[in-house]
Amino acid sequence: MAIRIAGVTIPNEKRVETSLTYIFGIGQTLSNKILKQADIDPNKRVKDLTEEEANKLRVIIEKQHRVEGDLKRDISGNIKRLKEINTYRGLRHAKSLPVRGQRTKTNSRTVRGNVRRTATSGKKMSAQKT
């Protein structure tokens, strides 16, 4: 029996504590808080959860926490707002550059899409030999 919470199928063989982190917006700390609130042992495997415990988890996550689609929509809305009001952060997002003050002379490969540009002489290559 696979448990679905917030549109995500949670892995059966893992501990509940870890498997909740498969949901976007839930990390290790929030996962532990949710389990404490639902009064479920974090070491328990997902396949060993009763239907009642699974429903308790589902209700807590979907009612009290912003996860998956809603959270992604909020994040993209915030970025769109920053771009519209022309903030520095918004411009950095628009140019696909690091937003939080990191250096860009070196590093920032992941944000720029691993672009490896090498310095050249600047001289244009001729179309064909004469």
N, C-alpha and C. Protein backbone atom coordinates (compact mmCIF):
# COMPACT_ATOMS: atom_id res chain seq x y z
N MET A 1 0.85 -1.19 0.00
CA MET A 1 0.00 0.00 0.00
C MET A 1 0.88 1.24 0.00
N ALA A 2 0.88 1.95 -1.11
CA ALA A 2 1.67 3.17 -1.23
C ALA A 2 0.86 4.36 -0.69
N ILE A 3 1.51 5.15 0.12
CA ILE A 3 0.83 6.31 0.72
C ILE A 3 1.12 7.54 -0.12
N ARG A 4 0.05 8.27 -0.48
CA ARG A 4 0.20 9.52 -1.22
C ARG A 4 -0.19 10.68 -0.32
N ILE A 5 0.73 11.64 -0.19
CA ILE A 5 0.46 12.84 0.58
C ILE A 5 0.81 14.03 -0.29
N ALA A 6 -0.11 14.96 -0.44
CA ALA A 6 0.09 16.17 -1.24
C ALA A 6 0.53 15.85 -2.66
N GLY A 7 -0.01 14.76 -3.22
CA GLY A 7 0.30 14.40 -4.60
C GLY A 7 1.62 13.69 -4.80
N VAL A 8 2.30 13.31 -3.70
CA VAL A 8 3.59 12.63 -3.80
C VAL A 8 3.47 11.24 -3.20
N THR A 9 3.92 10.23 -3.93
CA THR A 9 3.94 8.87 -3.40
C THR A 9 5.18 8.72 -2.53
N ILE A 10 4.97 8.33 -1.29
CA ILE A 10 6.06 8.22 -0.33
C ILE A 10 6.64 6.81 -0.37
N PRO A 11 8.00 6.67 -0.38
CA PRO A 11 8.61 5.35 -0.45
C PRO A 11 8.25 4.47 0.75
N ASN A 12 7.93 3.21 0.48
CA ASN A 12 7.46 2.29 1.52
C ASN A 12 8.55 1.77 2.44
N GLU A 13 9.73 1.53 1.93
CA GLU A 13 10.76 0.85 2.70
C GLU A 13 11.53 1.76 3.65
N LYS A 14 11.43 3.06 3.49
CA LYS A 14 12.20 3.98 4.31
C LYS A 14 11.49 4.32 5.61
N ARG A 15 12.25 4.92 6.54
CA ARG A 15 11.65 5.40 7.79
C ARG A 15 10.74 6.58 7.47
N VAL A 16 9.71 6.75 8.28
CA VAL A 16 8.73 7.83 8.04
C VAL A 16 9.43 9.18 8.06
N GLU A 17 10.36 9.34 9.01
CA GLU A 17 11.10 10.59 9.18
C GLU A 17 11.76 11.02 7.87
N THR A 18 12.39 10.08 7.18
CA THR A 18 13.09 10.37 5.94
C THR A 18 12.14 10.47 4.76
N SER A 19 11.15 9.61 4.72
CA SER A 19 10.27 9.57 3.56
C SER A 19 9.41 10.83 3.43
N LEU A 20 9.11 11.50 4.52
CA LEU A 20 8.33 12.75 4.43
C LEU A 20 9.11 13.84 3.71
N THR A 21 10.46 13.74 3.73
CA THR A 21 11.26 14.78 3.09
C THR A 21 11.19 14.69 1.56
N TYR A 22 10.56 13.65 1.02
CA TYR A 22 10.36 13.55 -0.43
C TYR A 22 9.33 14.57 -0.92
N ILE A 23 8.57 15.15 0.01
CA ILE A 23 7.58 16.17 -0.33
C ILE A 23 8.28 17.52 -0.38
N PHE A 24 8.11 18.26 -1.48
CA PHE A 24 8.74 19.56 -1.63
C PHE A 24 8.23 20.51 -0.55
N GLY A 25 9.14 21.09 0.21
CA GLY A 25 8.75 22.01 1.27
C GLY A 25 8.86 21.39 2.65
N ILE A 26 9.17 20.10 2.74
CA ILE A 26 9.34 19.45 4.03
C ILE A 26 10.77 18.94 4.12
N GLY A 27 11.50 19.45 5.09
CA GLY A 27 12.87 19.00 5.35
C GLY A 27 12.89 18.11 6.57
N GLN A 28 14.10 17.82 7.05
CA GLN A 28 14.26 16.92 8.19
C GLN A 28 13.62 17.49 9.46
N THR A 29 13.85 18.77 9.73
CA THR A 29 13.33 19.39 10.96
C THR A 29 11.81 19.42 10.96
N LEU A 30 11.22 19.89 9.86
CA LEU A 30 9.76 19.96 9.77
C LEU A 30 9.14 18.57 9.83
N SER A 31 9.82 17.60 9.23
CA SER A 31 9.36 16.22 9.27
C SER A 31 9.25 15.73 10.71
N ASN A 32 10.28 16.01 11.51
CA ASN A 32 10.26 15.61 12.91
C ASN A 32 9.16 16.30 13.70
N LYS A 33 8.93 17.59 13.42
CA LYS A 33 7.86 18.34 14.10
C LYS A 33 6.50 17.75 13.78
N ILE A 34 6.28 17.41 12.51
CA ILE A 34 5.00 16.84 12.07
C ILE A 34 4.77 15.49 12.77
N LEU A 35 5.82 14.66 12.82
CA LEU A 35 5.69 13.34 13.45
C LEU A 35 5.42 13.46 14.95
N LYS A 36 6.05 14.45 15.58
CA LYS A 36 5.80 14.66 17.01
C LYS A 36 4.35 15.11 17.23
N GLN A 37 3.87 15.98 16.35
CA GLN A 37 2.49 16.47 16.44
C GLN A 37 1.48 15.34 16.22
N ALA A 38 1.81 14.43 15.28
CA ALA A 38 0.91 13.31 14.97
C ALA A 38 1.11 12.15 15.94
N ASP A 39 2.13 12.26 16.80
CA ASP A 39 2.44 11.22 17.79
C ASP A 39 2.76 9.88 17.11
N ILE A 40 3.68 9.96 16.14
CA ILE A 40 4.13 8.76 15.41
C ILE A 40 5.63 8.62 15.62
N ASP A 41 6.08 7.38 15.84
CA ASP A 41 7.50 7.10 16.04
C ASP A 41 8.26 7.34 14.73
N PRO A 42 9.29 8.22 14.74
CA PRO A 42 10.04 8.53 13.52
C PRO A 42 10.80 7.33 12.95
N ASN A 43 11.09 6.33 13.78
CA ASN A 43 11.85 5.16 13.33
C ASN A 43 10.98 4.13 12.62
N LYS A 44 9.68 4.31 12.68
CA LYS A 44 8.76 3.38 12.06
C LYS A 44 8.88 3.44 10.54
N ARG A 45 8.74 2.30 9.89
CA ARG A 45 8.78 2.26 8.43
C ARG A 45 7.41 2.67 7.87
N VAL A 46 7.40 3.22 6.67
CA VAL A 46 6.14 3.68 6.07
C VAL A 46 5.17 2.52 5.88
N LYS A 47 5.71 1.35 5.49
CA LYS A 47 4.83 0.19 5.25
C LYS A 47 4.15 -0.29 6.53
N ASP A 48 4.70 0.07 7.71
CA ASP A 48 4.12 -0.35 8.99
C ASP A 48 3.10 0.64 9.54
N LEU A 49 2.90 1.77 8.84
CA LEU A 49 1.91 2.76 9.31
C LEU A 49 0.50 2.22 9.14
N THR A 50 -0.35 2.53 10.12
CA THR A 50 -1.76 2.16 9.97
C THR A 50 -2.44 3.19 9.09
N GLU A 51 -3.61 2.86 8.62
CA GLU A 51 -4.38 3.79 7.77
C GLU A 51 -4.71 5.07 8.55
N GLU A 52 -5.00 4.89 9.84
CA GLU A 52 -5.34 6.03 10.70
C GLU A 52 -4.15 6.99 10.82
N GLU A 53 -2.93 6.44 11.03
CA GLU A 53 -1.72 7.27 11.15
C GLU A 53 -1.44 7.99 9.83
N ALA A 54 -1.61 7.29 8.73
CA ALA A 54 -1.38 7.89 7.41
C ALA A 54 -2.34 9.06 7.18
N ASN A 55 -3.60 8.88 7.56
CA ASN A 55 -4.58 9.95 7.40
C ASN A 55 -4.26 11.14 8.30
N LYS A 56 -3.76 10.85 9.51
CA LYS A 56 -3.39 11.91 10.45
C LYS A 56 -2.27 12.75 9.84
N LEU A 57 -1.26 12.07 9.26
CA LEU A 57 -0.16 12.77 8.61
C LEU A 57 -0.66 13.62 7.44
N ARG A 58 -1.53 13.02 6.63
CA ARG A 58 -2.06 13.70 5.45
C ARG A 58 -2.79 14.98 5.86
N VAL A 59 -3.62 14.89 6.88
CA VAL A 59 -4.39 16.05 7.33
C VAL A 59 -3.47 17.15 7.84
N ILE A 60 -2.48 16.78 8.68
CA ILE A 60 -1.57 17.78 9.24
C ILE A 60 -0.80 18.49 8.13
N ILE A 61 -0.27 17.73 7.19
CA ILE A 61 0.55 18.33 6.13
C ILE A 61 -0.27 19.21 5.20
N GLU A 62 -1.42 18.71 4.76
CA GLU A 62 -2.20 19.47 3.79
C GLU A 62 -2.93 20.66 4.39
N LYS A 63 -3.28 20.60 5.67
CA LYS A 63 -4.02 21.71 6.28
C LYS A 63 -3.09 22.79 6.85
N GLN A 64 -1.96 22.38 7.44
CA GLN A 64 -1.15 23.33 8.19
C GLN A 64 0.11 23.82 7.48
N HIS A 65 0.54 23.12 6.43
CA HIS A 65 1.80 23.49 5.80
C HIS A 65 1.61 23.73 4.30
N ARG A 66 2.39 24.69 3.80
CA ARG A 66 2.35 24.99 2.38
C ARG A 66 3.42 24.13 1.71
N VAL A 67 2.99 23.19 0.88
CA VAL A 67 3.92 22.26 0.25
C VAL A 67 3.61 22.11 -1.24
N GLU A 68 4.55 21.48 -1.95
CA GLU A 68 4.40 21.15 -3.38
C GLU A 68 3.92 22.33 -4.23
N GLY A 69 2.80 22.19 -4.93
CA GLY A 69 2.35 23.17 -5.92
C GLY A 69 2.13 24.56 -5.35
N ASP A 70 1.49 24.65 -4.19
CA ASP A 70 1.23 25.96 -3.58
C ASP A 70 2.54 26.68 -3.26
N LEU A 71 3.48 25.95 -2.69
CA LEU A 71 4.77 26.55 -2.32
C LEU A 71 5.54 26.99 -3.57
N LYS A 72 5.55 26.14 -4.60
CA LYS A 72 6.25 26.49 -5.84
C LYS A 72 5.63 27.72 -6.49
N ARG A 73 4.29 27.81 -6.43
CA ARG A 73 3.58 28.97 -6.99
C ARG A 73 3.95 30.23 -6.23
N ASP A 74 4.01 30.13 -4.89
CA ASP A 74 4.39 31.29 -4.07
C ASP A 74 5.80 31.76 -4.39
N ILE A 75 6.72 30.80 -4.51
CA ILE A 75 8.12 31.14 -4.78
C ILE A 75 8.24 31.84 -6.13
N SER A 76 7.60 31.26 -7.17
CA SER A 76 7.70 31.88 -8.50
C SER A 76 7.00 33.23 -8.52
N GLY A 77 5.92 33.37 -7.74
CA GLY A 77 5.24 34.67 -7.63
C GLY A 77 6.13 35.72 -6.99
N ASN A 78 6.87 35.32 -5.96
CA ASN A 78 7.79 36.25 -5.30
C ASN A 78 8.89 36.69 -6.25
N ILE A 79 9.43 35.75 -7.02
CA ILE A 79 10.48 36.09 -7.97
C ILE A 79 9.94 37.01 -9.06
N LYS A 80 8.73 36.73 -9.53
CA LYS A 80 8.09 37.56 -10.55
C LYS A 80 7.88 38.99 -10.02
N ARG A 81 7.46 39.10 -8.77
CA ARG A 81 7.26 40.41 -8.15
C ARG A 81 8.57 41.19 -8.08
N LEU A 82 9.64 40.52 -7.68
CA LEU A 82 10.95 41.17 -7.62
C LEU A 82 11.39 41.68 -8.99
N LYS A 83 11.11 40.90 -10.03
CA LYS A 83 11.47 41.31 -11.39
C LYS A 83 10.65 42.53 -11.81
N GLU A 84 9.36 42.52 -11.50
CA GLU A 84 8.46 43.61 -11.92
C GLU A 84 8.83 44.94 -11.29
N ILE A 85 9.24 44.92 -10.02
CA ILE A 85 9.56 46.19 -9.36
C ILE A 85 11.03 46.57 -9.54
N ASN A 86 11.72 45.80 -10.42
CA ASN A 86 13.10 46.09 -10.81
C ASN A 86 14.07 46.20 -9.64
N THR A 87 13.96 45.29 -8.70
CA THR A 87 14.93 45.28 -7.62
C THR A 87 16.22 44.64 -8.13
N TYR A 88 17.29 44.83 -7.38
CA TYR A 88 18.56 44.22 -7.74
C TYR A 88 18.42 42.70 -7.79
N ARG A 89 17.77 42.15 -6.77
CA ARG A 89 17.56 40.69 -6.73
C ARG A 89 16.76 40.22 -7.93
N GLY A 90 15.75 40.99 -8.31
CA GLY A 90 14.94 40.64 -9.47
C GLY A 90 15.75 40.63 -10.75
N LEU A 91 16.64 41.61 -10.90
CA LEU A 91 17.49 41.67 -12.08
C LEU A 91 18.44 40.48 -12.13
N ARG A 92 18.97 40.09 -10.97
CA ARG A 92 19.88 38.94 -10.91
C ARG A 92 19.13 37.66 -11.31
N HIS A 93 17.89 37.53 -10.84
CA HIS A 93 17.08 36.37 -11.24
C HIS A 93 16.87 36.38 -12.75
N ALA A 94 16.55 37.55 -13.30
CA ALA A 94 16.26 37.65 -14.72
C ALA A 94 17.48 37.29 -15.57
N LYS A 95 18.68 37.65 -15.08
CA LYS A 95 19.90 37.37 -15.83
C LYS A 95 20.47 35.99 -15.53
N SER A 96 19.81 35.23 -14.69
CA SER A 96 20.28 33.91 -14.26
C SER A 96 21.67 33.96 -13.67
N LEU A 97 21.86 34.89 -12.74
CA LEU A 97 23.12 35.04 -12.02
C LEU A 97 22.87 34.81 -10.53
N PRO A 98 23.92 34.59 -9.73
CA PRO A 98 23.71 34.39 -8.29
C PRO A 98 23.03 35.61 -7.67
N VAL A 99 22.09 35.36 -6.78
CA VAL A 99 21.26 36.43 -6.23
C VAL A 99 21.78 36.93 -4.89
N ARG A 100 22.46 36.07 -4.15
CA ARG A 100 22.78 36.40 -2.76
C ARG A 100 24.22 36.85 -2.52
N GLY A 101 24.77 37.62 -3.45
CA GLY A 101 26.05 38.25 -3.20
C GLY A 101 27.28 37.39 -3.41
N GLN A 102 27.13 36.23 -4.04
CA GLN A 102 28.31 35.40 -4.27
C GLN A 102 29.18 36.01 -5.37
N ARG A 103 30.45 35.62 -5.37
CA ARG A 103 31.34 36.12 -6.42
C ARG A 103 31.04 35.39 -7.73
N THR A 104 31.30 36.10 -8.84
CA THR A 104 31.01 35.48 -10.13
C THR A 104 32.22 35.39 -11.04
N LYS A 105 33.36 35.98 -10.61
CA LYS A 105 34.55 35.88 -11.46
C LYS A 105 34.94 34.41 -11.61
N THR A 106 34.94 33.70 -10.49
CA THR A 106 35.08 32.25 -10.53
C THR A 106 33.84 31.70 -9.85
N ASN A 107 33.66 30.40 -9.86
CA ASN A 107 32.49 29.75 -9.26
C ASN A 107 31.20 30.15 -10.00
N SER A 108 30.08 29.98 -9.37
CA SER A 108 28.74 30.24 -9.93
C SER A 108 28.48 29.44 -11.19
N ARG A 109 29.15 28.29 -11.34
CA ARG A 109 28.96 27.47 -12.54
C ARG A 109 27.54 26.90 -12.60
N THR A 110 27.02 26.45 -11.48
CA THR A 110 25.71 25.80 -11.51
C THR A 110 24.62 26.78 -11.90
N VAL A 111 24.69 27.98 -11.36
CA VAL A 111 23.65 28.97 -11.64
C VAL A 111 23.71 29.41 -13.10
N ARG A 112 24.93 29.48 -13.67
CA ARG A 112 25.06 29.91 -15.06
C ARG A 112 24.93 28.75 -16.03
N GLY A 113 24.65 27.58 -15.54
CA GLY A 113 24.46 26.43 -16.41
C GLY A 113 25.77 25.83 -16.87
N ASN A 114 26.79 25.87 -16.02
CA ASN A 114 28.11 25.28 -16.29
C ASN A 114 28.71 25.79 -17.60
N VAL A 115 28.59 27.09 -17.82
CA VAL A 115 29.16 27.71 -19.02
C VAL A 115 30.66 27.86 -18.80
N ARG A 116 31.45 27.29 -19.68
CA ARG A 116 32.91 27.41 -19.54
C ARG A 116 33.44 28.24 -20.71
N ARG A 117 33.56 29.53 -20.49
CA ARG A 117 34.07 30.42 -21.52
C ARG A 117 35.55 30.63 -21.28
N THR A 118 36.34 30.54 -22.33
CA THR A 118 37.77 30.81 -22.18
C THR A 118 38.09 32.14 -22.83
N ALA A 119 39.08 32.81 -22.29
CA ALA A 119 39.46 34.11 -22.85
C ALA A 119 40.17 33.89 -24.17
N THR A 120 39.81 34.67 -25.16
CA THR A 120 40.46 34.60 -26.47
C THR A 120 41.08 35.96 -26.77
N SER A 121 41.78 36.05 -27.88
CA SER A 121 42.47 37.31 -28.21
C SER A 121 41.48 38.40 -28.61
N GLY A 122 40.27 38.01 -28.96
CA GLY A 122 39.28 39.00 -29.37
C GLY A 122 39.29 39.18 -30.87
N LYS A 123 40.29 38.61 -31.55
CA LYS A 123 40.41 38.75 -33.01
C LYS A 123 39.42 37.79 -33.67
N LYS A 124 38.64 38.29 -34.63
CA LYS A 124 37.68 37.46 -35.32
C LYS A 124 38.39 36.54 -36.30
N MET A 125 37.89 35.33 -36.42
CA MET A 125 38.45 34.40 -37.40
C MET A 125 37.92 34.80 -38.77
N SER A 126 38.79 34.77 -39.79
CA SER A 126 38.37 35.12 -41.12
C SER A 126 37.49 34.00 -41.69
N ALA A 127 36.59 34.35 -42.58
CA ALA A 127 35.63 33.40 -43.13
C ALA A 127 36.37 32.29 -43.88
N GLN A 128 37.33 32.66 -44.74
CA GLN A 128 38.11 31.63 -45.45
C GLN A 128 39.49 32.18 -45.77
N LYS A 129 40.40 31.28 -46.03
CA LYS A 129 41.77 31.70 -46.30
C LYS A 129 41.84 32.35 -47.69
N THR A 130 42.74 33.34 -47.79
CA THR A 130 42.91 34.00 -49.09
C THR A 130 44.23 33.62 -49.71
